């Protein structure tokens, strides 16, 4: 009886382990709309080069050069083009593993978007896992969002996920976009970064 109870207690862990997906598997199995510049063979080549310690780039569909730039047990980073990068992160959850994909453009300032998927690449509602900060959230203590509204028509921020630490950090990149004198006038009223934490279901502050 004790042995049966022990086996039953292990079933949830075994189930979660069976449903896990590695960053490499997620990268190579992603549908074309997730990485439109890279077909599956190109992604496999990029992984082979990275694992071999080579910095050889792979031609993408726009005749640019792409390469895997980082790989760990929980995430994979890619240089998609001269002005764009991507980060694929495998997030542990209570059910199916969740895959987050951060795409960052750098024209002229870094700005990121994020999307969430199931392990078999079914799209998930972004708002269920991450709610982007408002201008009020970016406002430093002792200041009001109204101070920023005239000079910040829209927010620009780069997203980076630290999977082992369970954090998602947005870093303010307005200094790369606004004129120096304009940014200087508001820099004290805006926070440099905002960090969220993964609780197994979503990112929250």
N, C-alpha and C. Protein backbone atom coordinates (compact mmCIF):
# COMPACT_ATOMS: atom_id res chain seq x y z
N UNK A 1 0.83 -1.21 0.00
CA UNK A 1 0.00 0.00 0.00
C UNK A 1 0.87 1.26 0.00
N UNK A 2 1.93 1.26 0.85
CA UNK A 2 2.82 2.41 0.91
C UNK A 2 3.49 2.64 -0.44
N UNK A 3 3.86 1.52 -1.11
CA UNK A 3 4.51 1.64 -2.41
C UNK A 3 3.55 2.25 -3.42
N UNK A 4 2.29 1.86 -3.39
CA UNK A 4 1.28 2.40 -4.32
C UNK A 4 1.10 3.90 -4.09
N UNK A 5 1.05 4.31 -2.82
CA UNK A 5 0.90 5.73 -2.50
C UNK A 5 2.10 6.53 -2.99
N UNK A 6 3.29 5.95 -2.87
CA UNK A 6 4.49 6.64 -3.32
C UNK A 6 4.48 6.85 -4.82
N UNK A 7 4.05 5.83 -5.56
CA UNK A 7 3.97 5.93 -7.02
C UNK A 7 2.95 6.99 -7.42
N UNK A 8 1.81 7.01 -6.73
CA UNK A 8 0.77 8.00 -7.05
C UNK A 8 1.26 9.41 -6.77
N UNK A 9 2.06 9.57 -5.74
CA UNK A 9 2.59 10.89 -5.41
C UNK A 9 3.56 11.38 -6.48
N UNK A 10 4.23 10.45 -7.17
CA UNK A 10 5.19 10.82 -8.20
C UNK A 10 4.55 11.14 -9.54
N UNK A 11 3.31 10.73 -9.73
CA UNK A 11 2.69 10.89 -11.04
C UNK A 11 2.65 12.33 -11.54
N UNK A 12 2.26 13.32 -10.71
CA UNK A 12 2.26 14.69 -11.22
C UNK A 12 3.63 15.14 -11.71
N UNK A 13 4.69 14.78 -10.98
CA UNK A 13 6.04 15.17 -11.39
C UNK A 13 6.41 14.49 -12.70
N UNK A 14 6.07 13.21 -12.82
CA UNK A 14 6.36 12.50 -14.06
C UNK A 14 5.60 13.07 -15.23
N UNK A 15 4.36 13.46 -14.98
CA UNK A 15 3.55 14.04 -16.06
C UNK A 15 4.15 15.35 -16.53
N UNK A 16 4.53 16.23 -15.57
CA UNK A 16 5.14 17.50 -15.93
C UNK A 16 6.44 17.31 -16.67
N UNK A 17 7.24 16.31 -16.24
CA UNK A 17 8.49 16.06 -16.94
C UNK A 17 8.26 15.59 -18.35
N UNK A 18 7.22 14.78 -18.56
CA UNK A 18 6.94 14.27 -19.89
C UNK A 18 6.49 15.37 -20.83
N UNK A 19 5.85 16.41 -20.29
CA UNK A 19 5.32 17.45 -21.15
C UNK A 19 6.33 18.57 -21.40
N UNK A 20 7.52 18.49 -20.72
CA UNK A 20 8.51 19.55 -20.85
C UNK A 20 9.08 19.57 -22.26
N UNK A 21 9.53 20.77 -22.67
CA UNK A 21 10.16 20.93 -23.98
C UNK A 21 11.42 21.76 -23.75
N UNK A 22 12.49 21.41 -24.44
CA UNK A 22 13.74 22.16 -24.29
C UNK A 22 13.71 23.38 -25.21
N UNK A 23 14.56 24.38 -24.93
CA UNK A 23 14.62 25.54 -25.83
C UNK A 23 14.99 25.14 -27.26
N UNK A 24 15.92 24.18 -27.40
CA UNK A 24 16.30 23.74 -28.75
C UNK A 24 15.11 23.12 -29.48
N UNK A 25 14.36 22.26 -28.79
CA UNK A 25 13.20 21.63 -29.41
C UNK A 25 12.15 22.67 -29.80
N UNK A 26 11.95 23.63 -28.91
CA UNK A 26 10.97 24.68 -29.20
C UNK A 26 11.40 25.51 -30.39
N UNK A 27 12.68 25.86 -30.46
CA UNK A 27 13.20 26.68 -31.55
C UNK A 27 13.05 25.99 -32.90
N UNK A 28 13.37 24.70 -32.95
CA UNK A 28 13.31 24.01 -34.23
C UNK A 28 11.89 23.60 -34.63
N UNK A 29 10.99 23.49 -33.66
CA UNK A 29 9.62 23.08 -33.99
C UNK A 29 8.66 24.25 -34.18
N UNK A 30 9.13 25.48 -33.93
CA UNK A 30 8.25 26.65 -34.03
C UNK A 30 7.71 26.81 -35.44
N UNK A 31 6.43 27.19 -35.57
CA UNK A 31 5.86 27.43 -36.90
C UNK A 31 6.48 28.66 -37.56
N UNK A 32 6.32 28.74 -38.86
CA UNK A 32 6.97 29.80 -39.64
C UNK A 32 6.59 31.20 -39.17
N UNK A 33 5.36 31.37 -38.68
CA UNK A 33 4.95 32.72 -38.29
C UNK A 33 5.66 33.22 -37.04
N UNK A 34 6.24 32.32 -36.27
CA UNK A 34 6.98 32.74 -35.07
C UNK A 34 8.36 33.27 -35.45
N UNK A 35 9.04 32.57 -36.36
CA UNK A 35 10.34 33.01 -36.86
C UNK A 35 10.29 33.08 -38.39
N UNK A 36 9.61 34.09 -38.94
CA UNK A 36 9.40 34.15 -40.39
C UNK A 36 10.68 34.27 -41.21
N UNK A 37 11.77 34.73 -40.61
CA UNK A 37 13.02 34.86 -41.36
C UNK A 37 13.77 33.55 -41.49
N UNK A 38 13.38 32.54 -40.68
CA UNK A 38 14.18 31.33 -40.59
C UNK A 38 13.36 30.07 -40.82
N UNK A 39 13.72 29.29 -41.84
CA UNK A 39 13.05 28.00 -42.00
C UNK A 39 13.68 26.99 -41.04
N UNK A 40 13.10 25.82 -40.94
CA UNK A 40 13.54 24.84 -39.93
C UNK A 40 14.99 24.42 -40.18
N UNK A 41 15.37 24.19 -41.44
CA UNK A 41 16.74 23.75 -41.72
C UNK A 41 17.75 24.82 -41.30
N UNK A 42 17.39 26.08 -41.50
CA UNK A 42 18.29 27.16 -41.09
C UNK A 42 18.46 27.16 -39.58
N UNK A 43 17.37 26.92 -38.86
CA UNK A 43 17.46 26.89 -37.39
C UNK A 43 18.32 25.72 -36.91
N UNK A 44 18.19 24.58 -37.56
CA UNK A 44 19.03 23.43 -37.21
C UNK A 44 20.50 23.74 -37.46
N UNK A 45 20.79 24.40 -38.59
CA UNK A 45 22.17 24.78 -38.89
C UNK A 45 22.71 25.73 -37.83
N UNK A 46 21.89 26.70 -37.44
CA UNK A 46 22.32 27.68 -36.44
C UNK A 46 22.67 27.01 -35.12
N UNK A 47 21.87 26.03 -34.72
CA UNK A 47 22.16 25.30 -33.49
C UNK A 47 23.45 24.48 -33.61
N UNK A 48 23.66 23.86 -34.78
CA UNK A 48 24.88 23.07 -34.99
C UNK A 48 26.11 23.96 -34.90
N UNK A 49 26.05 25.13 -35.52
CA UNK A 49 27.19 26.06 -35.46
C UNK A 49 27.47 26.48 -34.02
N UNK A 50 26.41 26.81 -33.29
CA UNK A 50 26.59 27.28 -31.92
C UNK A 50 27.20 26.19 -31.04
N UNK A 51 26.66 24.98 -31.15
CA UNK A 51 27.16 23.87 -30.34
C UNK A 51 28.62 23.55 -30.66
N UNK A 52 29.02 23.83 -31.90
CA UNK A 52 30.40 23.55 -32.33
C UNK A 52 31.34 24.70 -31.98
N UNK A 53 30.81 25.74 -31.38
CA UNK A 53 31.65 26.87 -31.00
C UNK A 53 32.00 27.77 -32.17
N UNK A 54 31.24 27.69 -33.24
CA UNK A 54 31.51 28.50 -34.43
C UNK A 54 30.61 29.73 -34.44
N UNK A 55 31.13 30.86 -34.92
CA UNK A 55 30.31 32.07 -35.03
C UNK A 55 29.82 32.26 -36.46
N UNK A 56 29.78 31.16 -37.22
CA UNK A 56 29.31 31.22 -38.61
C UNK A 56 27.84 31.60 -38.66
N UNK A 57 27.48 32.68 -39.36
CA UNK A 57 26.07 33.06 -39.46
C UNK A 57 25.35 32.25 -40.53
N UNK A 58 24.03 32.22 -40.44
CA UNK A 58 23.19 31.50 -41.40
C UNK A 58 22.36 32.51 -42.18
N UNK A 59 22.28 32.32 -43.49
CA UNK A 59 21.49 33.22 -44.33
C UNK A 59 20.01 33.07 -43.99
N UNK A 60 19.32 34.20 -43.85
CA UNK A 60 17.88 34.14 -43.60
C UNK A 60 17.12 34.47 -44.88
N UNK A 61 15.80 34.53 -44.78
CA UNK A 61 14.97 34.68 -45.98
C UNK A 61 15.05 36.06 -46.62
N UNK A 62 15.67 37.02 -45.93
CA UNK A 62 15.85 38.35 -46.50
C UNK A 62 17.31 38.59 -46.88
N UNK A 63 18.04 37.48 -47.02
CA UNK A 63 19.46 37.53 -47.38
C UNK A 63 20.31 38.22 -46.31
N UNK A 64 19.79 38.28 -45.11
CA UNK A 64 20.58 38.78 -43.99
C UNK A 64 21.28 37.63 -43.31
N UNK A 65 21.88 37.90 -42.16
CA UNK A 65 22.64 36.88 -41.45
C UNK A 65 22.08 36.71 -40.04
N UNK A 66 21.81 35.46 -39.66
CA UNK A 66 21.23 35.15 -38.36
C UNK A 66 22.13 34.15 -37.64
N UNK A 67 22.05 34.16 -36.29
CA UNK A 67 22.87 33.22 -35.52
C UNK A 67 22.30 33.05 -34.12
N UNK A 68 22.45 31.84 -33.58
CA UNK A 68 22.15 31.61 -32.17
C UNK A 68 23.29 32.24 -31.37
N UNK A 69 22.95 33.05 -30.37
CA UNK A 69 23.97 33.75 -29.59
C UNK A 69 24.05 33.29 -28.14
N UNK A 70 23.08 32.50 -27.70
CA UNK A 70 23.11 32.02 -26.33
C UNK A 70 22.17 30.84 -26.16
N UNK A 71 22.56 29.90 -25.29
CA UNK A 71 21.73 28.72 -25.08
C UNK A 71 21.95 28.20 -23.66
N UNK A 72 20.86 27.94 -22.97
CA UNK A 72 20.92 27.34 -21.63
C UNK A 72 19.80 26.32 -21.53
N UNK A 73 19.65 25.73 -20.36
CA UNK A 73 18.60 24.73 -20.18
C UNK A 73 17.21 25.34 -20.25
N UNK A 74 17.12 26.68 -20.07
CA UNK A 74 15.81 27.30 -20.05
C UNK A 74 15.55 28.35 -21.11
N UNK A 75 16.59 28.74 -21.86
CA UNK A 75 16.37 29.80 -22.84
C UNK A 75 17.35 29.72 -24.01
N UNK A 76 16.99 30.41 -25.07
CA UNK A 76 17.81 30.46 -26.28
C UNK A 76 17.72 31.87 -26.84
N UNK A 77 18.87 32.44 -27.22
CA UNK A 77 18.88 33.79 -27.78
C UNK A 77 19.35 33.75 -29.22
N UNK A 78 18.76 34.60 -30.05
CA UNK A 78 19.04 34.60 -31.48
C UNK A 78 19.23 36.02 -31.98
N UNK A 79 20.25 36.22 -32.80
CA UNK A 79 20.35 37.45 -33.58
C UNK A 79 19.64 37.19 -34.90
N UNK A 80 18.49 37.81 -35.08
CA UNK A 80 17.71 37.57 -36.29
C UNK A 80 18.26 38.35 -37.48
N UNK A 81 18.65 39.59 -37.25
CA UNK A 81 19.17 40.46 -38.30
C UNK A 81 20.04 41.52 -37.65
N UNK A 82 20.49 42.48 -38.43
CA UNK A 82 21.32 43.56 -37.88
C UNK A 82 20.54 44.43 -36.91
N UNK A 83 19.21 44.40 -37.00
CA UNK A 83 18.41 45.30 -36.16
C UNK A 83 17.38 44.57 -35.31
N UNK A 84 17.47 43.25 -35.22
CA UNK A 84 16.47 42.53 -34.44
C UNK A 84 17.06 41.28 -33.79
N UNK A 85 16.54 40.98 -32.60
CA UNK A 85 16.95 39.79 -31.87
C UNK A 85 15.71 39.10 -31.32
N UNK A 86 15.88 37.88 -30.85
CA UNK A 86 14.78 37.15 -30.23
C UNK A 86 15.31 36.35 -29.05
N UNK A 87 14.45 36.17 -28.06
CA UNK A 87 14.77 35.33 -26.91
C UNK A 87 13.61 34.36 -26.73
N UNK A 88 13.91 33.08 -26.74
CA UNK A 88 12.90 32.04 -26.52
C UNK A 88 13.14 31.45 -25.14
N UNK A 89 12.10 31.44 -24.31
CA UNK A 89 12.26 30.99 -22.93
C UNK A 89 11.21 29.94 -22.60
N UNK A 90 11.63 28.85 -21.99
CA UNK A 90 10.74 27.79 -21.55
C UNK A 90 10.39 28.05 -20.08
N UNK A 91 9.11 28.27 -19.82
CA UNK A 91 8.67 28.63 -18.48
C UNK A 91 8.00 27.45 -17.78
N UNK A 92 8.47 27.08 -16.61
CA UNK A 92 7.82 25.99 -15.87
C UNK A 92 6.46 26.44 -15.38
N UNK A 93 5.48 25.56 -15.49
CA UNK A 93 4.14 25.89 -15.02
C UNK A 93 3.52 24.66 -14.39
N UNK A 94 2.36 24.82 -13.81
CA UNK A 94 1.70 23.71 -13.13
C UNK A 94 1.10 22.71 -14.11
N UNK A 95 0.88 23.14 -15.33
CA UNK A 95 0.35 22.25 -16.35
C UNK A 95 1.39 22.08 -17.45
N UNK A 96 0.98 22.37 -18.68
CA UNK A 96 1.88 22.27 -19.82
C UNK A 96 2.95 23.35 -19.73
N UNK A 97 4.16 23.04 -20.22
CA UNK A 97 5.21 24.03 -20.29
C UNK A 97 4.79 25.18 -21.19
N UNK A 98 5.11 26.40 -20.78
CA UNK A 98 4.76 27.59 -21.56
C UNK A 98 6.02 28.12 -22.23
N UNK A 99 5.90 28.49 -23.48
CA UNK A 99 7.02 29.05 -24.23
C UNK A 99 6.77 30.54 -24.44
N UNK A 100 7.72 31.36 -24.01
CA UNK A 100 7.64 32.80 -24.22
C UNK A 100 8.65 33.19 -25.30
N UNK A 101 8.23 34.06 -26.22
CA UNK A 101 9.12 34.54 -27.27
C UNK A 101 9.15 36.06 -27.20
N UNK A 102 10.34 36.60 -26.94
CA UNK A 102 10.54 38.05 -26.90
C UNK A 102 11.24 38.45 -28.19
N UNK A 103 10.67 39.39 -28.92
CA UNK A 103 11.29 39.92 -30.13
C UNK A 103 11.64 41.38 -29.88
N UNK A 104 12.87 41.74 -30.15
CA UNK A 104 13.34 43.10 -29.90
C UNK A 104 13.85 43.74 -31.18
N UNK A 105 13.30 44.90 -31.51
CA UNK A 105 13.76 45.69 -32.65
C UNK A 105 14.63 46.82 -32.14
N UNK A 106 15.61 47.23 -32.93
CA UNK A 106 16.51 48.30 -32.53
C UNK A 106 16.61 49.33 -33.65
N UNK A 107 15.52 50.02 -33.92
CA UNK A 107 15.46 51.03 -34.99
C UNK A 107 14.59 52.22 -34.58
N UNK A 108 15.13 53.29 -34.03
CA UNK A 108 16.54 53.44 -33.65
C UNK A 108 16.82 53.03 -32.21
N UNK A 109 15.75 52.82 -31.42
CA UNK A 109 15.91 52.43 -30.01
C UNK A 109 15.33 51.04 -29.81
N UNK A 110 15.83 50.35 -28.81
CA UNK A 110 15.35 48.99 -28.55
C UNK A 110 13.91 49.01 -28.04
N UNK A 111 13.09 48.16 -28.64
CA UNK A 111 11.70 48.03 -28.20
C UNK A 111 11.28 46.58 -28.40
N UNK A 112 10.72 45.99 -27.35
CA UNK A 112 10.40 44.56 -27.37
C UNK A 112 8.91 44.29 -27.35
N UNK A 113 8.55 43.15 -27.91
CA UNK A 113 7.20 42.60 -27.78
C UNK A 113 7.35 41.18 -27.27
N UNK A 114 6.28 40.66 -26.67
CA UNK A 114 6.34 39.31 -26.11
C UNK A 114 5.08 38.54 -26.47
N UNK A 115 5.24 37.25 -26.74
CA UNK A 115 4.11 36.38 -27.04
C UNK A 115 4.29 35.07 -26.27
N UNK A 116 3.17 34.42 -25.94
CA UNK A 116 3.21 33.18 -25.17
C UNK A 116 2.51 32.07 -25.95
N UNK A 117 3.04 30.84 -25.80
CA UNK A 117 2.50 29.69 -26.53
C UNK A 117 2.52 28.45 -25.63
N UNK A 118 1.71 27.46 -26.00
CA UNK A 118 1.80 26.15 -25.38
C UNK A 118 3.02 25.45 -25.96
N UNK A 119 3.37 24.30 -25.40
CA UNK A 119 4.55 23.58 -25.90
C UNK A 119 4.39 23.09 -27.33
N UNK A 120 3.13 22.99 -27.81
CA UNK A 120 2.91 22.61 -29.21
C UNK A 120 2.52 23.83 -30.05
N UNK A 121 2.89 25.02 -29.56
CA UNK A 121 2.79 26.27 -30.30
C UNK A 121 1.37 26.76 -30.57
N UNK A 122 0.47 26.48 -29.65
CA UNK A 122 -0.85 27.11 -29.72
C UNK A 122 -0.74 28.48 -29.04
N UNK A 123 -1.17 29.56 -29.70
CA UNK A 123 -1.03 30.89 -29.11
C UNK A 123 -1.86 31.02 -27.83
N UNK A 124 -1.31 31.73 -26.87
CA UNK A 124 -1.99 32.02 -25.61
C UNK A 124 -2.21 33.52 -25.50
N UNK A 125 -3.22 33.92 -24.75
CA UNK A 125 -3.53 35.34 -24.58
C UNK A 125 -2.43 35.99 -23.74
N UNK A 126 -1.75 36.96 -24.33
CA UNK A 126 -0.63 37.61 -23.64
C UNK A 126 -1.04 38.21 -22.31
N UNK A 127 -2.19 38.85 -22.27
CA UNK A 127 -2.65 39.51 -21.03
C UNK A 127 -2.84 38.53 -19.88
N UNK A 128 -3.00 37.25 -20.19
CA UNK A 128 -3.17 36.26 -19.13
C UNK A 128 -1.84 35.95 -18.43
N UNK A 129 -0.73 36.30 -19.07
CA UNK A 129 0.58 35.96 -18.53
C UNK A 129 1.45 37.17 -18.23
N UNK A 130 1.14 38.29 -18.87
CA UNK A 130 1.95 39.50 -18.65
C UNK A 130 1.14 40.73 -19.07
N UNK A 131 1.05 41.69 -18.16
CA UNK A 131 0.38 42.95 -18.47
C UNK A 131 1.44 44.04 -18.54
N UNK A 132 1.59 44.64 -19.71
CA UNK A 132 2.62 45.67 -19.90
C UNK A 132 2.38 46.84 -18.96
N UNK A 133 3.45 47.41 -18.43
CA UNK A 133 3.29 48.55 -17.51
C UNK A 133 2.75 49.78 -18.22
N UNK A 134 2.00 50.57 -17.50
CA UNK A 134 1.47 51.83 -18.02
C UNK A 134 2.49 52.94 -17.75
N UNK A 135 2.22 54.11 -18.28
CA UNK A 135 3.10 55.24 -18.02
C UNK A 135 3.17 55.55 -16.53
N UNK A 136 2.06 55.33 -15.83
CA UNK A 136 2.05 55.54 -14.38
C UNK A 136 3.02 54.59 -13.68
N UNK A 137 3.14 53.36 -14.20
CA UNK A 137 4.07 52.40 -13.61
C UNK A 137 5.53 52.83 -13.82
N UNK A 138 5.77 53.53 -14.94
CA UNK A 138 7.13 53.99 -15.25
C UNK A 138 7.49 55.27 -14.50
N UNK A 139 6.51 55.90 -13.87
CA UNK A 139 6.76 57.17 -13.20
C UNK A 139 7.46 56.97 -11.86
N UNK A 140 8.55 57.70 -11.66
CA UNK A 140 9.32 57.58 -10.42
C UNK A 140 8.55 58.14 -9.23
N UNK A 141 8.88 57.66 -8.06
CA UNK A 141 8.23 58.15 -6.85
C UNK A 141 8.48 59.64 -6.69
N UNK A 142 7.45 60.34 -6.23
CA UNK A 142 7.55 61.78 -6.06
C UNK A 142 7.22 62.56 -7.31
N UNK A 143 6.88 61.84 -8.39
CA UNK A 143 6.51 62.50 -9.65
C UNK A 143 5.14 62.00 -10.09
N UNK A 144 4.58 62.67 -11.09
CA UNK A 144 3.28 62.28 -11.62
C UNK A 144 3.41 61.95 -13.10
N UNK A 145 2.59 61.03 -13.57
CA UNK A 145 2.63 60.64 -14.98
C UNK A 145 2.37 61.83 -15.89
N UNK A 146 1.62 62.81 -15.41
CA UNK A 146 1.33 63.99 -16.22
C UNK A 146 2.61 64.72 -16.62
N UNK A 147 3.66 64.61 -15.81
CA UNK A 147 4.93 65.24 -16.13
C UNK A 147 5.57 64.63 -17.37
N UNK A 148 5.25 63.36 -17.62
CA UNK A 148 5.86 62.64 -18.73
C UNK A 148 5.03 62.69 -20.01
N UNK A 149 3.74 62.84 -19.87
CA UNK A 149 2.83 62.66 -21.00
C UNK A 149 3.15 63.53 -22.21
N UNK A 150 3.57 64.76 -21.98
CA UNK A 150 3.83 65.65 -23.10
C UNK A 150 5.07 65.24 -23.89
N UNK A 151 6.06 64.67 -23.22
CA UNK A 151 7.31 64.33 -23.88
C UNK A 151 7.47 62.85 -24.19
N UNK A 152 6.55 62.03 -23.70
CA UNK A 152 6.62 60.58 -23.95
C UNK A 152 5.33 60.13 -24.63
N UNK A 153 5.27 60.27 -25.97
CA UNK A 153 4.06 59.88 -26.68
C UNK A 153 3.81 58.37 -26.63
N UNK A 154 4.87 57.60 -26.51
CA UNK A 154 4.76 56.14 -26.35
C UNK A 154 6.03 55.66 -25.66
N UNK A 155 5.91 54.53 -24.98
CA UNK A 155 7.03 54.00 -24.22
C UNK A 155 7.85 53.04 -25.08
N UNK A 156 9.15 53.10 -24.92
CA UNK A 156 10.05 52.16 -25.58
C UNK A 156 10.87 51.45 -24.50
N UNK A 157 10.86 50.12 -24.53
CA UNK A 157 11.59 49.36 -23.51
C UNK A 157 12.01 48.00 -24.08
N UNK A 158 13.16 47.54 -23.64
CA UNK A 158 13.66 46.22 -24.03
C UNK A 158 13.34 45.23 -22.93
N UNK A 159 12.87 44.04 -23.32
CA UNK A 159 12.53 42.98 -22.37
C UNK A 159 13.64 41.94 -22.33
N UNK A 160 14.01 41.54 -21.13
CA UNK A 160 14.95 40.43 -20.97
C UNK A 160 14.41 39.51 -19.88
N UNK A 161 14.36 38.21 -20.18
CA UNK A 161 13.89 37.22 -19.22
C UNK A 161 15.07 36.44 -18.67
N UNK A 162 15.18 36.41 -17.35
CA UNK A 162 16.17 35.59 -16.66
C UNK A 162 15.42 34.36 -16.15
N UNK A 163 15.49 33.27 -16.90
CA UNK A 163 14.67 32.10 -16.58
C UNK A 163 15.04 31.46 -15.24
N UNK A 164 16.33 31.28 -14.91
CA UNK A 164 16.65 30.68 -13.60
C UNK A 164 16.18 31.53 -12.43
N UNK A 165 16.26 32.86 -12.58
CA UNK A 165 15.84 33.75 -11.50
C UNK A 165 14.34 33.96 -11.49
N UNK A 166 13.66 33.58 -12.58
CA UNK A 166 12.22 33.75 -12.66
C UNK A 166 11.78 35.19 -12.83
N UNK A 167 12.63 36.00 -13.48
CA UNK A 167 12.29 37.42 -13.63
C UNK A 167 12.17 37.84 -15.09
N UNK A 168 11.36 38.84 -15.30
CA UNK A 168 11.23 39.52 -16.59
C UNK A 168 11.48 41.00 -16.31
N UNK A 169 12.49 41.57 -16.97
CA UNK A 169 12.85 42.96 -16.72
C UNK A 169 12.69 43.79 -17.98
N UNK A 170 11.99 44.90 -17.85
CA UNK A 170 11.88 45.87 -18.93
C UNK A 170 12.84 47.02 -18.63
N UNK A 171 13.68 47.35 -19.59
CA UNK A 171 14.63 48.44 -19.42
C UNK A 171 14.25 49.60 -20.33
N UNK A 172 14.08 50.75 -19.73
CA UNK A 172 13.70 51.96 -20.45
C UNK A 172 14.76 52.32 -21.50
N UNK A 173 14.36 52.48 -22.76
CA UNK A 173 15.30 52.83 -23.82
C UNK A 173 14.97 54.17 -24.47
N UNK A 174 14.21 55.00 -23.79
CA UNK A 174 13.84 56.30 -24.34
C UNK A 174 15.05 57.19 -24.59
N UNK A 175 16.12 57.00 -23.81
CA UNK A 175 17.32 57.83 -24.00
C UNK A 175 17.91 57.64 -25.39
N UNK A 176 17.65 56.48 -26.03
CA UNK A 176 18.15 56.21 -27.37
C UNK A 176 17.26 56.82 -28.44
N UNK A 177 16.07 57.27 -28.04
CA UNK A 177 15.09 57.75 -29.01
C UNK A 177 14.85 59.26 -28.93
N UNK A 178 14.72 59.78 -27.73
CA UNK A 178 14.45 61.20 -27.56
C UNK A 178 15.73 62.03 -27.66
N UNK A 179 15.55 63.29 -28.05
CA UNK A 179 16.69 64.20 -28.08
C UNK A 179 17.28 64.31 -26.67
N UNK A 180 18.61 64.44 -26.55
CA UNK A 180 19.24 64.48 -25.23
C UNK A 180 18.63 65.51 -24.29
N UNK A 181 18.32 66.70 -24.82
CA UNK A 181 17.77 67.72 -23.94
C UNK A 181 16.36 67.37 -23.47
N UNK A 182 15.61 66.67 -24.32
CA UNK A 182 14.25 66.27 -23.94
C UNK A 182 14.32 65.17 -22.88
N UNK A 183 15.17 64.15 -23.13
CA UNK A 183 15.27 63.07 -22.15
C UNK A 183 15.83 63.59 -20.83
N UNK A 184 16.76 64.51 -20.92
CA UNK A 184 17.33 65.07 -19.71
C UNK A 184 16.30 65.76 -18.85
N UNK A 185 15.29 66.35 -19.48
CA UNK A 185 14.28 67.06 -18.73
C UNK A 185 13.31 66.13 -18.00
N UNK A 186 13.23 64.86 -18.43
CA UNK A 186 12.28 63.93 -17.81
C UNK A 186 12.96 62.76 -17.12
N UNK A 187 14.28 62.65 -17.25
CA UNK A 187 14.98 61.45 -16.76
C UNK A 187 14.76 61.20 -15.27
N UNK A 188 14.62 62.25 -14.51
CA UNK A 188 14.41 62.08 -13.08
C UNK A 188 13.02 61.62 -12.72
N UNK A 189 12.09 61.73 -13.66
CA UNK A 189 10.70 61.38 -13.40
C UNK A 189 10.33 59.99 -13.89
N UNK A 190 11.29 59.31 -14.52
CA UNK A 190 10.98 57.99 -15.09
C UNK A 190 11.98 56.96 -14.55
N UNK A 191 11.47 55.79 -14.20
CA UNK A 191 12.35 54.75 -13.63
C UNK A 191 13.14 54.07 -14.74
N UNK A 192 14.36 53.61 -14.47
CA UNK A 192 15.18 52.99 -15.50
C UNK A 192 14.70 51.60 -15.92
N UNK A 193 14.07 50.87 -14.99
CA UNK A 193 13.64 49.51 -15.32
C UNK A 193 12.51 49.07 -14.39
N UNK A 194 11.78 48.06 -14.84
CA UNK A 194 10.69 47.46 -14.06
C UNK A 194 10.86 45.95 -14.13
N UNK A 195 10.76 45.28 -12.98
CA UNK A 195 10.95 43.84 -12.94
C UNK A 195 9.69 43.12 -12.48
N UNK A 196 9.35 42.05 -13.20
CA UNK A 196 8.23 41.16 -12.87
C UNK A 196 8.80 39.81 -12.46
N UNK A 197 8.00 39.03 -11.73
CA UNK A 197 8.43 37.69 -11.31
C UNK A 197 7.41 36.63 -11.74
N UNK A 198 7.93 35.49 -12.17
CA UNK A 198 7.11 34.36 -12.61
C UNK A 198 6.69 33.54 -11.41
N UNK A 199 5.38 33.32 -11.25
CA UNK A 199 4.89 32.56 -10.10
C UNK A 199 4.36 31.18 -10.49
N UNK A 200 4.67 30.75 -11.70
CA UNK A 200 4.19 29.46 -12.18
C UNK A 200 2.93 29.58 -13.01
N UNK A 201 2.31 30.76 -12.98
CA UNK A 201 1.10 30.99 -13.76
C UNK A 201 1.21 32.24 -14.63
N UNK A 202 1.85 33.27 -14.14
CA UNK A 202 2.00 34.51 -14.90
C UNK A 202 3.09 35.36 -14.27
N UNK A 203 3.46 36.44 -14.98
CA UNK A 203 4.41 37.41 -14.44
C UNK A 203 3.65 38.49 -13.68
N UNK A 204 4.11 38.80 -12.49
CA UNK A 204 3.45 39.83 -11.70
C UNK A 204 4.53 40.65 -10.98
N UNK A 205 4.18 41.84 -10.55
CA UNK A 205 5.14 42.71 -9.85
C UNK A 205 5.03 42.53 -8.34
